[in-house]
Protein backbone atom coordinates (compact mmCIF):
# COMPACT_ATOMS: atom_id res chain seq x y z
CA MET A 1 -2.37 -40.55 6.60
CA ASP A 2 0.11 -38.68 4.39
CA GLN A 3 2.41 -41.65 4.12
CA LYS A 4 -0.40 -43.89 2.99
CA ARG A 5 -1.52 -41.43 0.33
CA ALA A 6 2.02 -40.84 -0.87
CA GLU A 7 2.47 -44.45 -1.94
CA PRO A 8 2.10 -44.55 -5.73
CA ASP A 9 -0.62 -46.71 -7.23
CA PHE A 10 1.23 -46.84 -10.55
CA LEU A 11 4.95 -46.48 -11.10
CA PRO A 12 6.40 -44.69 -14.12
CA VAL A 13 7.67 -46.96 -16.85
CA SER A 14 10.99 -46.41 -18.57
CA THR A 15 10.05 -47.63 -22.04
CA PRO A 16 7.04 -46.15 -23.88
CA VAL A 17 4.68 -48.83 -25.15
CA THR A 18 1.98 -48.19 -27.74
CA LEU A 19 -1.28 -50.08 -27.53
CA TYR A 20 -3.07 -50.33 -30.88
CA GLY A 21 -6.56 -51.42 -31.89
CA GLU A 22 -9.24 -50.87 -34.51
CA PHE A 23 -12.81 -50.34 -33.34
CA THR A 24 -16.12 -48.84 -34.21
CA GLN A 25 -17.47 -45.98 -32.14
CA ASN A 26 -20.62 -46.34 -30.12
CA SER A 27 -22.07 -43.23 -31.77
CA ASN A 28 -21.11 -44.26 -35.33
CA ARG A 29 -20.89 -47.98 -36.09
CA ARG A 30 -20.46 -47.56 -39.85
CA GLY A 31 -16.91 -46.24 -39.72
CA ARG A 32 -13.81 -47.74 -38.14
CA TRP A 33 -11.24 -45.95 -36.07
CA ALA A 34 -7.61 -46.72 -35.37
CA VAL A 35 -6.80 -46.13 -31.71
CA ASN A 36 -3.22 -45.67 -30.47
CA LEU A 37 -2.57 -45.42 -26.76
CA THR A 38 0.91 -44.06 -26.05
CA GLU A 39 2.36 -43.12 -22.69
CA LYS A 40 1.14 -39.54 -23.10
CA ASP A 41 -1.79 -39.49 -25.52
CA LEU A 42 -4.82 -41.27 -26.85
CA VAL A 43 -4.71 -40.89 -30.65
CA VAL A 44 -7.90 -41.59 -32.57
CA GLN A 45 -8.02 -41.54 -36.38
CA ARG A 46 -10.72 -42.63 -38.75
CA ILE A 47 -9.68 -45.37 -41.17
CA ALA A 48 -10.44 -44.12 -44.67
CA SER A 49 -9.12 -44.65 -48.17
CA VAL A 50 -8.22 -40.98 -48.42
CA PRO A 51 -6.56 -39.61 -45.25
CA VAL A 52 -8.19 -36.49 -43.93
CA GLY A 53 -6.33 -34.49 -41.30
CA ARG A 54 -9.42 -33.46 -39.38
CA ASN A 55 -10.29 -37.12 -38.77
CA LYS A 56 -7.35 -37.38 -36.36
CA VAL A 57 -7.83 -36.46 -32.72
CA VAL A 58 -5.01 -36.38 -30.17
CA LEU A 59 -6.10 -36.27 -26.53
CA SER A 60 -3.56 -35.79 -23.77
CA LEU A 61 -3.79 -38.27 -20.92
CA ARG A 62 -3.14 -35.37 -18.55
CA ASP A 63 -6.68 -34.23 -19.39
CA CYS A 64 -8.28 -37.63 -18.75
CA VAL A 65 -10.33 -38.05 -15.56
CA GLY A 66 -11.40 -41.65 -16.02
CA CYS A 67 -12.07 -44.64 -18.24
CA ARG A 68 -14.45 -47.56 -17.78
CA ALA A 69 -15.34 -50.81 -19.53
CA TYR A 70 -18.87 -52.16 -19.68
CA ARG A 71 -21.47 -54.18 -21.54
CA GLU A 72 -24.98 -53.06 -22.36
CA ASP A 73 -28.11 -54.82 -21.12
CA ASP A 74 -28.78 -56.58 -24.43
CA LYS A 75 -27.69 -60.16 -23.72
CA ALA A 76 -27.93 -61.09 -27.41
CA ASP A 77 -25.21 -58.54 -28.25
CA PRO A 78 -21.71 -59.87 -27.38
CA SER A 79 -20.14 -56.42 -27.78
CA ALA A 80 -18.25 -54.65 -25.02
CA TYR A 81 -17.28 -51.00 -24.74
CA PHE A 82 -14.69 -48.79 -23.15
CA ALA A 83 -15.29 -45.07 -22.66
CA ALA A 84 -12.65 -42.48 -21.79
CA TYR A 85 -13.51 -39.03 -20.44
CA PHE A 86 -11.36 -35.99 -21.11
CA TYR A 87 -11.58 -32.30 -20.15
CA PRO A 88 -9.05 -30.54 -22.41
CA LEU A 89 -8.57 -26.79 -22.49
CA ARG A 90 -10.37 -25.46 -25.54
CA LYS A 91 -11.41 -22.05 -26.72
CA ARG A 92 -14.97 -21.64 -27.88
CA ARG A 93 -14.81 -20.56 -31.51
CA TRP A 94 -17.51 -17.94 -31.23
CA MET A 95 -16.07 -16.34 -28.13
CA THR A 96 -12.90 -14.43 -27.35
CA SER A 97 -12.68 -15.59 -23.73
CA ALA A 98 -9.82 -17.64 -22.30
CA PRO A 99 -9.65 -21.38 -22.98
CA SER A 100 -11.71 -23.46 -20.57
CA ARG A 101 -12.21 -27.13 -19.80
CA GLN A 102 -14.56 -28.77 -22.29
CA ARG A 103 -15.88 -32.31 -21.87
CA VAL A 104 -14.86 -34.85 -24.53
CA GLU A 105 -16.01 -38.49 -24.45
CA GLN A 106 -14.47 -41.22 -26.60
CA CYS A 107 -16.43 -44.49 -26.56
CA PHE A 108 -15.38 -47.55 -28.57
CA ARG A 109 -17.19 -50.80 -29.37
CA LEU A 110 -15.33 -54.12 -29.26
CA ALA A 111 -17.11 -56.94 -31.12
CA ALA A 112 -14.29 -58.98 -32.63
CA LEU A 113 -15.23 -62.15 -30.74
CA GLN A 114 -18.48 -64.01 -30.22
CA ASP A 115 -17.66 -64.56 -26.56
CA PRO A 116 -19.02 -61.54 -24.65
CA HIS A 117 -16.66 -62.22 -21.72
CA ALA A 118 -13.63 -62.13 -24.02
CA ASN A 119 -14.78 -58.82 -25.50
CA LEU A 120 -15.27 -57.41 -22.00
CA GLU A 121 -11.82 -58.58 -20.91
CA GLU A 122 -10.30 -56.78 -23.89
CA ALA A 123 -12.28 -53.63 -23.11
CA GLU A 124 -11.16 -53.79 -19.47
CA LYS A 125 -7.54 -54.15 -20.62
CA TRP A 126 -7.84 -50.91 -22.59
CA ALA A 127 -9.66 -49.08 -19.80
CA ARG A 128 -7.08 -50.16 -17.24
CA ALA A 129 -4.21 -49.08 -19.50
CA VAL A 130 -5.80 -45.64 -20.04
CA ARG A 131 -6.29 -45.15 -16.30
CA GLU A 132 -2.78 -46.25 -15.38
CA ARG A 133 -1.03 -44.14 -18.01
CA SER A 134 -3.23 -41.16 -17.24
CA ALA A 135 -2.38 -41.47 -13.55
CA ARG A 136 1.32 -41.51 -14.35
CA GLN A 137 1.07 -38.42 -16.55
CA GLN A 138 -0.95 -36.48 -14.02
CA ARG A 139 1.23 -37.33 -11.04
CA LEU A 140 4.55 -36.86 -12.79
CA ARG A 141 5.57 -33.20 -12.94
CA ASP A 142 9.16 -32.24 -13.76
CA ASP A 143 10.12 -35.90 -13.13
CA VAL A 144 8.79 -35.65 -9.56
CA LEU A 145 6.07 -38.03 -8.40
CA LEU A 146 3.36 -36.01 -6.66
CA ASN A 147 1.11 -37.16 -3.81
CA SER A 148 -2.37 -38.11 -4.91
CA LEU A 149 -5.58 -39.59 -3.60
CA PRO A 150 -5.95 -43.35 -3.90
CA HIS A 151 -8.04 -44.84 -6.69
CA PRO A 152 -10.85 -45.35 -6.28
CA CYS A 153 -11.13 -42.65 -3.63
CA ARG A 154 -13.95 -41.97 -1.20
CA ILE A 155 -14.98 -38.41 -0.47
CA LEU A 156 -17.50 -36.73 1.78
CA LEU A 157 -19.07 -33.90 -0.23
CA PHE A 158 -20.72 -30.97 1.57
CA VAL A 159 -23.06 -28.78 -0.47
CA ASN A 160 -24.57 -25.57 0.88
CA PRO A 161 -27.81 -25.10 -1.12
CA GLN A 162 -28.15 -21.47 0.07
CA SER A 163 -24.73 -20.25 -1.07
CA GLY A 164 -24.31 -17.71 -3.85
CA LYS A 165 -27.47 -17.50 -5.94
CA GLY A 166 -28.82 -20.62 -4.27
CA GLN A 167 -27.85 -22.83 -7.23
CA ALA A 168 -25.12 -25.00 -5.69
CA LEU A 169 -27.25 -28.14 -5.62
CA THR A 170 -28.38 -27.58 -9.20
CA LEU A 171 -24.76 -27.16 -10.32
CA TYR A 172 -23.84 -30.37 -8.52
CA ASN A 173 -26.54 -32.25 -10.38
CA SER A 174 -25.66 -30.75 -13.77
CA HIS A 175 -21.85 -30.96 -13.63
CA ILE A 176 -20.16 -32.48 -10.61
CA GLN A 177 -22.11 -35.70 -10.15
CA GLN A 178 -21.32 -36.78 -13.72
CA MET A 179 -17.63 -35.87 -13.42
CA LEU A 180 -17.19 -37.82 -10.20
CA ASN A 181 -18.91 -40.85 -11.69
CA GLU A 182 -16.68 -40.68 -14.77
CA ALA A 183 -13.60 -40.53 -12.55
CA GLY A 184 -14.77 -43.46 -10.42
CA VAL A 185 -14.91 -41.29 -7.30
CA ILE A 186 -17.14 -42.75 -4.60
CA HIS A 187 -18.86 -39.92 -2.77
CA LYS A 188 -21.50 -39.29 -0.15
CA LEU A 189 -23.49 -36.09 -0.49
CA ILE A 190 -24.34 -34.05 2.60
CA ILE A 191 -26.60 -31.03 2.16
CA THR A 192 -25.95 -28.57 4.97
CA GLU A 193 -29.06 -27.38 6.78
CA ARG A 194 -27.88 -24.58 9.05
CA GLN A 195 -24.91 -22.51 10.11
CA ASN A 196 -22.05 -24.60 11.57
CA HIS A 197 -23.72 -27.83 10.44
CA ALA A 198 -20.56 -28.93 8.60
CA ARG A 199 -18.38 -27.80 11.50
CA GLU A 200 -20.29 -30.02 13.90
CA LEU A 201 -20.18 -33.00 11.56
CA VAL A 202 -16.43 -32.92 10.88
CA LYS A 203 -15.70 -32.67 14.61
CA ASP A 204 -17.19 -36.15 15.08
CA VAL A 205 -17.00 -37.93 11.72
CA ASP A 206 -14.84 -41.06 11.38
CA LEU A 207 -12.21 -39.65 9.03
CA SER A 208 -10.70 -43.08 8.42
CA GLN A 209 -13.71 -43.84 6.21
CA TRP A 210 -12.92 -40.99 3.81
CA ASP A 211 -9.95 -40.03 1.68
CA ALA A 212 -10.97 -36.37 1.38
CA LEU A 213 -13.56 -33.81 2.42
CA VAL A 214 -14.93 -31.67 -0.41
CA ILE A 215 -16.88 -28.43 -0.05
CA MET A 216 -19.20 -27.07 -2.73
CA SER A 217 -20.16 -23.62 -1.55
CA GLY A 218 -18.58 -20.26 -0.96
CA ASP A 219 -15.54 -19.81 1.26
CA GLY A 220 -17.57 -19.69 4.48
CA LEU A 221 -18.34 -23.40 4.52
CA LEU A 222 -14.67 -24.30 4.11
CA HIS A 223 -13.91 -22.00 7.05
CA GLU A 224 -16.32 -24.09 9.13
CA VAL A 225 -14.75 -27.38 8.05
CA ILE A 226 -11.16 -26.31 8.73
CA ASN A 227 -11.98 -25.02 12.20
CA GLY A 228 -14.03 -28.15 12.91
CA LEU A 229 -11.02 -30.32 12.05
CA LEU A 230 -8.74 -28.28 14.31
CA GLU A 231 -11.21 -28.52 17.20
CA ARG A 232 -10.95 -32.31 17.25
CA PRO A 233 -8.85 -34.04 19.93
CA ASP A 234 -6.95 -35.74 17.08
CA TRP A 235 -6.44 -32.44 15.22
CA GLU A 236 -2.85 -33.27 14.26
CA GLU A 237 -4.06 -36.18 12.14
CA ALA A 238 -7.39 -34.62 11.15
CA VAL A 239 -5.88 -31.46 9.66
CA ARG A 240 -3.94 -33.63 7.20
CA THR A 241 -7.18 -34.75 5.58
CA PRO A 242 -7.14 -33.45 1.99
CA LEU A 243 -9.77 -30.80 1.33
CA GLY A 244 -11.35 -30.11 -2.03
CA ILE A 245 -13.13 -26.92 -3.07
CA LEU A 246 -15.84 -26.53 -5.72
CA PRO A 247 -17.14 -22.98 -6.31
CA GLY A 248 -20.79 -22.63 -5.39
CA GLY A 249 -20.93 -19.24 -3.70
CA SER A 250 -20.42 -15.58 -4.54
CA GLY A 251 -16.74 -15.01 -3.87
CA ASN A 252 -15.20 -18.45 -4.47
CA ALA A 253 -11.75 -17.08 -3.67
CA LEU A 254 -9.99 -20.35 -2.84
CA ALA A 255 -11.47 -22.07 -5.90
CA ALA A 256 -10.17 -19.23 -8.07
CA SER A 257 -6.79 -19.45 -6.33
CA VAL A 258 -6.46 -23.21 -6.84
CA HIS A 259 -7.40 -22.76 -10.50
CA TYR A 260 -4.80 -19.97 -10.81
CA TYR A 261 -2.06 -22.12 -9.26
CA SER A 262 -2.73 -24.78 -11.89
CA GLY A 263 -1.24 -22.38 -14.45
CA VAL A 264 -4.22 -21.86 -16.76
CA SER A 265 -6.04 -18.68 -17.74
CA GLN A 266 -8.56 -17.09 -15.40
CA VAL A 267 -12.17 -18.19 -15.87
CA ARG A 268 -15.37 -17.59 -13.92
CA GLY A 269 -18.78 -19.05 -13.21
CA GLU A 270 -19.53 -22.54 -14.46
CA GLU A 271 -16.23 -22.68 -16.35
CA LEU A 272 -14.43 -22.27 -13.02
CA LEU A 273 -16.62 -25.00 -11.53
CA VAL A 274 -15.73 -27.45 -14.31
CA SER A 275 -12.03 -26.61 -13.93
CA CYS A 276 -12.13 -27.23 -10.17
CA GLY A 277 -14.11 -30.42 -10.75
CA PHE A 278 -11.38 -31.57 -13.14
CA LEU A 279 -8.68 -30.83 -10.55
CA LEU A 280 -10.70 -32.71 -7.93
CA CYS A 281 -10.96 -35.77 -10.21
CA ARG A 282 -7.20 -35.67 -10.81
CA GLY A 283 -6.76 -35.87 -7.03
CA LEU A 284 -3.30 -34.29 -6.65
CA VAL A 285 -2.69 -33.20 -3.06
CA SER A 286 -0.63 -30.20 -1.94
CA HIS A 287 0.19 -28.66 1.41
CA MET A 288 -1.62 -25.42 2.27
CA ASP A 289 -0.73 -22.69 4.74
CA LEU A 290 -3.18 -21.95 7.53
CA VAL A 291 -3.16 -18.86 9.73
CA SER A 292 -3.88 -18.86 13.46
CA LEU A 293 -5.75 -15.79 14.76
CA HIS A 294 -6.30 -14.59 18.33
CA LEU A 295 -9.19 -12.29 19.22
CA SER A 296 -9.34 -10.00 22.24
CA SER A 297 -11.93 -12.24 23.95
CA GLY A 298 -9.46 -15.12 23.95
CA GLN A 299 -11.06 -16.98 21.07
CA ARG A 300 -8.66 -18.64 18.67
CA LEU A 301 -9.59 -19.60 15.13
CA PHE A 302 -7.89 -20.60 11.89
CA SER A 303 -8.00 -18.96 8.48
CA PHE A 304 -7.13 -20.25 5.02
CA LEU A 305 -7.85 -17.10 3.00
CA SER A 306 -7.88 -13.59 4.45
CA LEU A 307 -8.16 -11.13 7.28
CA ALA A 308 -9.81 -7.84 6.32
CA TRP A 309 -10.55 -4.54 8.07
CA GLY A 310 -11.93 -1.33 6.65
CA PHE A 311 -13.10 -0.90 3.08
CA VAL A 312 -12.83 -4.56 1.97
CA ALA A 313 -14.58 -5.92 5.07
CA ASP A 314 -17.35 -3.32 4.77
CA VAL A 315 -17.98 -4.18 1.13
CA ASP A 316 -18.02 -7.91 1.88
CA VAL A 317 -20.61 -7.58 4.63
CA GLU A 318 -22.72 -4.72 3.28
CA SER A 319 -23.05 -6.36 -0.15
CA GLU A 320 -24.94 -9.30 1.40
CA LYS A 321 -28.15 -7.48 0.46
CA TYR A 322 -27.17 -7.98 -3.20
CA ARG A 323 -26.51 -11.72 -2.83
CA HIS A 324 -29.05 -12.53 -5.56
CA ALA A 325 -26.64 -10.91 -8.04
CA GLY A 326 -23.93 -13.52 -7.38
CA ALA A 327 -20.35 -12.33 -7.84
CA ALA A 328 -21.63 -8.97 -9.11
CA ARG A 329 -22.65 -8.14 -5.53
CA PHE A 330 -19.05 -7.11 -4.78
CA THR A 331 -18.98 -4.68 -7.70
CA VAL A 332 -22.19 -3.05 -6.53
CA GLY A 333 -20.97 -2.98 -2.93
CA THR A 334 -17.68 -1.39 -3.97
CA LEU A 335 -19.42 1.45 -5.82
CA VAL A 336 -21.78 2.08 -2.89
CA ARG A 337 -18.93 2.23 -0.37
CA LEU A 338 -16.81 4.46 -2.65
CA ALA A 339 -19.63 6.99 -2.62
CA SER A 340 -19.15 7.44 1.14
CA LEU A 341 -15.51 6.57 1.70
CA ARG A 342 -14.57 6.04 5.36
CA ILE A 343 -11.35 6.52 7.28
CA TYR A 344 -10.45 3.95 9.95
CA LYS A 345 -8.13 4.74 12.84
CA GLY A 346 -5.95 2.08 14.39
CA LYS A 347 -2.49 0.65 14.91
CA LEU A 348 -0.83 -1.97 12.72
CA ALA A 349 2.34 -3.94 13.40
CA TYR A 350 3.91 -6.89 11.65
CA LEU A 351 6.89 -9.26 11.61
CA PRO A 352 8.53 -9.14 8.15
CA ALA A 353 9.03 -12.50 6.49
CA SER A 354 12.79 -11.89 6.38
CA ARG A 355 12.88 -11.75 10.19
CA GLY A 356 10.22 -14.33 10.98
CA ARG A 357 12.37 -17.40 10.51
CA HIS A 358 13.67 -17.05 14.06
CA MET A 359 11.70 -16.37 17.19
CA ASP A 360 12.21 -13.19 19.16
CA LYS A 361 14.94 -13.57 21.79
CA SER A 362 12.46 -12.98 24.59
CA LEU A 363 10.44 -15.93 23.34
CA GLN A 364 13.51 -18.12 23.03
CA ASN A 365 14.51 -17.23 26.59
CA GLY A 366 11.12 -18.21 27.91
CA GLU A 367 9.88 -14.71 28.86
CA ALA A 368 6.66 -15.36 26.92
CA ALA A 369 6.06 -19.01 27.64
CA CYS A 370 2.45 -18.64 26.56
CA CYS A 371 3.64 -18.47 22.95
CA ARG A 372 4.84 -22.04 23.23
CA ASN A 373 1.53 -22.86 24.92
CA PRO A 374 -1.09 -20.64 23.26
CA ALA A 375 -3.74 -21.76 25.71
CA SER A 376 -1.97 -19.78 28.45
CA CYS A 377 -2.15 -16.70 26.22
CA LEU A 378 -5.88 -17.17 26.02
CA THR A 379 -6.43 -17.38 29.76
CA GLN A 380 -4.57 -14.09 30.32
CA THR A 381 -6.96 -12.15 28.09
CA LEU A 382 -10.28 -13.55 29.32
CA GLU A 383 -12.68 -11.39 31.29
CA ASP A 384 -15.71 -12.29 33.39
CA ASP A 385 -18.19 -11.45 30.63
CA PHE A 386 -16.98 -11.50 27.05
CA PRO A 387 -18.57 -11.80 23.61
CA ASN A 388 -18.04 -15.22 22.07
CA ASN A 389 -18.51 -14.96 18.32
CA THR A 390 -19.75 -17.68 16.02
CA CYS A 391 -18.64 -17.38 12.38
CA HIS A 392 -21.08 -18.44 9.72
CA SER A 393 -21.83 -18.18 6.05
CA ASN A 394 -24.23 -15.23 5.97
CA ASN A 395 -21.71 -12.77 7.43
CA SER A 396 -23.94 -11.74 10.33
CA LEU A 397 -22.46 -11.53 13.82
CA LYS A 398 -24.10 -13.37 16.68
CA LEU A 399 -22.86 -12.76 20.21
CA ARG A 400 -23.52 -14.69 23.36
CA ARG A 401 -22.37 -13.86 26.85
CA SER A 402 -20.46 -16.30 28.99
CA GLU A 403 -21.59 -17.17 32.47
CA GLY A 404 -18.47 -16.22 34.36
CA ARG A 405 -14.85 -16.88 33.45
CA LEU A 406 -13.93 -19.67 31.06
CA PRO A 407 -12.30 -22.43 33.13
CA ARG A 408 -8.52 -22.50 32.81
CA SER A 409 -8.63 -26.24 32.13
CA ALA A 410 -10.97 -25.68 29.19
CA ALA A 411 -8.64 -23.06 27.69
CA LYS A 412 -5.64 -25.35 28.03
CA ALA A 413 -7.55 -28.07 26.21
CA LEU A 414 -7.85 -25.99 23.04
CA PRO A 415 -6.24 -27.98 20.23
CA GLY A 416 -4.15 -26.71 17.38
CA PRO A 417 -0.44 -26.04 16.85
CA PRO A 418 1.32 -23.61 19.18
CA ASP A 419 2.12 -20.08 18.03
CA ALA A 420 5.83 -19.28 18.29
CA LEU A 421 5.73 -15.63 17.18
CA LEU A 422 2.76 -14.06 18.98
CA PRO A 423 2.97 -12.41 22.40
CA PRO A 424 -0.21 -11.95 24.48
CA LEU A 425 -2.49 -9.27 23.05
CA ASP A 426 -2.14 -7.14 26.19
CA GLN A 427 1.64 -6.90 25.70
CA PRO A 428 3.43 -4.78 23.08
CA PRO A 429 4.78 -6.44 19.92
CA PRO A 430 8.37 -7.76 20.12
CA SER A 431 11.23 -5.41 19.25
CA ASP A 432 11.87 -6.95 15.82
CA TRP A 433 8.34 -6.16 14.62
CA VAL A 434 7.67 -3.16 12.38
CA LEU A 435 5.23 -0.55 13.68
CA VAL A 436 3.38 1.22 10.86
CA PRO A 437 3.75 4.97 11.50
CA GLU A 438 0.38 5.88 9.97
CA GLU A 439 -2.69 5.40 12.13
CA GLU A 440 -5.39 6.34 9.61
CA PHE A 441 -6.29 3.76 6.99
CA VAL A 442 -8.78 3.07 4.25
CA LEU A 443 -8.25 -0.68 4.41
CA MET A 444 -6.07 -3.47 5.72
CA LEU A 445 -6.08 -6.81 3.93
CA ALA A 446 -4.00 -9.84 4.87
CA MET A 447 -4.11 -12.47 2.11
CA HIS A 448 -2.96 -16.09 2.35
CA GLN A 449 -4.05 -17.03 -1.20
CA SER A 450 -3.89 -15.31 -4.57
CA HIS A 451 -7.55 -14.37 -5.06
CA LEU A 452 -9.96 -12.31 -2.99
CA ALA A 453 -12.82 -13.28 -5.31
CA GLU A 454 -13.22 -14.96 -8.71
CA ASP A 455 -12.27 -11.72 -10.47
CA LEU A 456 -9.91 -10.17 -7.91
CA LEU A 457 -6.28 -11.29 -8.11
CA ALA A 458 -5.13 -9.65 -4.90
CA ALA A 459 -1.77 -11.43 -4.38
CA PRO A 460 -0.43 -12.59 -7.76
CA ASP A 461 2.74 -14.15 -6.35
CA ALA A 462 1.01 -15.99 -3.50
CA ARG A 463 1.22 -19.78 -3.40
CA LEU A 464 -0.49 -22.49 -1.39
CA THR A 465 2.48 -22.99 0.87
CA ASP A 466 4.81 -20.00 0.60
CA GLY A 467 4.81 -19.62 4.40
CA VAL A 468 3.94 -15.92 4.37
CA ILE A 469 0.97 -13.60 4.78
CA HIS A 470 0.63 -11.02 2.03
CA LEU A 471 -0.20 -7.83 3.92
CA PHE A 472 -1.75 -4.91 2.03
CA TYR A 473 -2.86 -1.62 3.50
CA VAL A 474 -4.04 1.65 2.03
CA THR A 475 -3.46 4.80 4.07
CA ALA A 476 -5.82 7.76 4.35
CA GLY A 477 -5.59 10.47 1.73
CA ILE A 478 -6.24 8.32 -1.33
CA SER A 479 -8.92 9.69 -3.64
CA ARG A 480 -12.03 7.78 -4.63
CA SER A 481 -10.89 7.61 -8.23
CA ALA A 482 -7.46 6.27 -7.26
CA LEU A 483 -9.03 3.61 -5.03
CA LEU A 484 -11.37 2.59 -7.83
CA ARG A 485 -8.40 2.30 -10.20
CA LEU A 486 -6.70 0.00 -7.70
CA PHE A 487 -9.65 -2.39 -7.61
CA LEU A 488 -10.05 -2.31 -11.38
CA ALA A 489 -6.37 -3.15 -11.74
CA MET A 490 -6.76 -5.95 -9.18
CA GLU A 491 -8.93 -7.86 -11.65
CA LYS A 492 -5.72 -8.66 -13.54
CA GLY A 493 -3.39 -8.54 -10.53
CA ALA A 494 -1.87 -5.28 -11.77
CA HIS A 495 -2.66 -3.08 -8.74
CA LEU A 496 0.91 -3.28 -7.48
CA ASP A 497 2.08 -1.78 -10.77
CA THR A 498 0.01 1.39 -10.37
CA ASN A 499 2.70 2.96 -8.14
CA CYS A 500 0.01 4.25 -5.80
CA GLN A 501 1.77 6.04 -2.92
CA HIS A 502 -1.00 5.09 -0.50
CA LEU A 503 -0.78 1.33 -1.18
CA VAL A 504 1.75 -0.76 0.77
CA HIS A 505 2.45 -4.47 0.29
CA GLU A 506 4.58 -6.50 2.70
CA LYS A 507 5.25 -10.20 3.10
CA VAL A 508 4.96 -11.04 6.78
CA ARG A 509 4.86 -14.03 9.11
CA ALA A 510 2.78 -12.44 11.83
CA LEU A 511 0.80 -9.25 12.36
CA ARG A 512 -1.31 -7.38 14.87
CA LEU A 513 -4.18 -4.96 14.25
CA GLU A 514 -5.55 -2.71 17.00
CA PRO A 515 -8.58 -0.78 15.71
CA GLY A 516 -9.34 2.56 17.30
CA ALA A 517 -12.48 3.41 19.21
CA GLY A 518 -15.77 3.28 17.38
CA LYS A 519 -17.68 0.81 15.29
CA GLY A 520 -16.21 -1.25 12.51
CA ILE A 521 -16.06 -4.64 10.83
CA ILE A 522 -13.34 -7.28 10.79
CA THR A 523 -13.74 -10.39 8.66
CA VAL A 524 -11.82 -13.65 8.58
CA ASP A 525 -12.31 -15.66 5.38
CA GLY A 526 -15.28 -13.37 4.70
CA GLU A 527 -16.88 -14.18 8.09
CA VAL A 528 -17.48 -11.45 10.65
CA VAL A 529 -15.57 -11.75 13.92
CA GLU A 530 -15.68 -9.59 17.02
CA TYR A 531 -14.38 -6.08 16.56
CA GLY A 532 -11.21 -5.34 18.49
CA PRO A 533 -7.51 -6.18 18.65
CA ILE A 534 -6.55 -9.23 16.61
CA GLN A 535 -3.26 -10.88 15.74
CA ALA A 536 -2.25 -13.63 13.36
CA GLU A 537 0.58 -16.03 12.61
CA VAL A 538 1.09 -18.24 9.56
CA HIS A 539 1.60 -22.00 9.96
CA ALA A 540 3.31 -23.13 6.76
CA GLY A 541 1.92 -26.26 5.15
CA LEU A 542 -0.37 -27.14 8.06
CA GLY A 543 -3.35 -28.08 5.86
CA ARG A 544 -3.84 -30.22 2.76
CA VAL A 545 -5.77 -29.26 -0.37
CA ILE A 546 -6.58 -30.99 -3.64
CA SER A 547 -4.97 -28.82 -6.31
CA GLY A 548 -3.59 -28.91 -9.84
């Protein structure tokens, strides 16, 4: 699948060629415009006896999502048209916010000939040239040709109408549908109806019919899709399917991360949606790290975003009651939890990234063969009756009890890549792991992406495929005011510059958390999982994501 997508549709040219024409605009047929199409820009300037600087518009082809040629229904009119659609970064004049993507349409009328077919052929020549040169500009970065989706591409688009404020479907109709049509993206809309609906669908869908799967929701729906892909018998091929993310929930952490990686200023709300829609239309594909997690019951799942315990997990789950407030629910939840700050007892161990490039000697010598075959790890930790958790988008935890022991053959059949760094949960961590001396914490947060929410830049130096887990933990003894300052600083990614003695940040390749006795909450990608020992290992570049 990757090889097919890596083949370029358009090859870079060595000699810039300018295409020139003079047309009227569909919105103003009285004036005439000179149009220059270079290798990098579309330059439009009104033809007038006295040149006026403001009549000239230069639009970068990097900001173009599509161009089409067409004729109107009036058969008596021989005119043809070509329309180009751009989303440049612009700052609203009456606001001081960061620049955001603003839609610009340029539509030109070609009526030089009486033959309508000849006019249409000329319009199609211009539209094709705009698309080809735009594709070259978008895919060429630092003289390197990037992988991209084919054109036209076919995507399966999942929308969760209940996510966030319940406006995802409305936002699709008002923004995304138009953008996809402008970009010539063929898409099928699926509105999810229940928890794990998308997970069930992607386990059985014929992926050869689609070039990408796109999720418009919060992060929970993407969690379903990724785990559904890795539960397929053909998971090795399925997990290479490019995934797109459009923010439609409360947190929208991956959408904010993908936007951040594109190198533009942080935006929120509908501006973030338009930015992610633009990146989706561009169709550039990157590798993305995924993290394998093992729970004490033997369940194995995959994460693309985070593992949280303590303060962050509590806020995420307890703020569900404020869902109607959208992203503001996390601010309210943070203030409520600060008022009654909790201490969490447990043990934390991790494998530093500097040591994780080589397996522990015991693993290399075969003493922990289950790490080469993770299914054998699972069978060693199963008990006769164990809670089997189902993750879903409303953060509630549903448990069901198994009738007897899970068959060994079923455990061995679990798909997914093997874990090379994790011993069984009932054995101590390897000797090259670091054991955190403190056993009282306020929070533990393992991040695989830059953002924890739209306005929380938790790991500023994280990247889609850096091959590490960014581990943060805050030890007991921190004051409420100091903790609040940390989260306020996190809005700009400045929390690591506060020199807080209770905050620790490590880059790791694997980790293990063993919570102490008592109640608590652990979340994976914002979804509640069973409370108990859990360990994780990063798999560098396992997934694919549509990014900028």
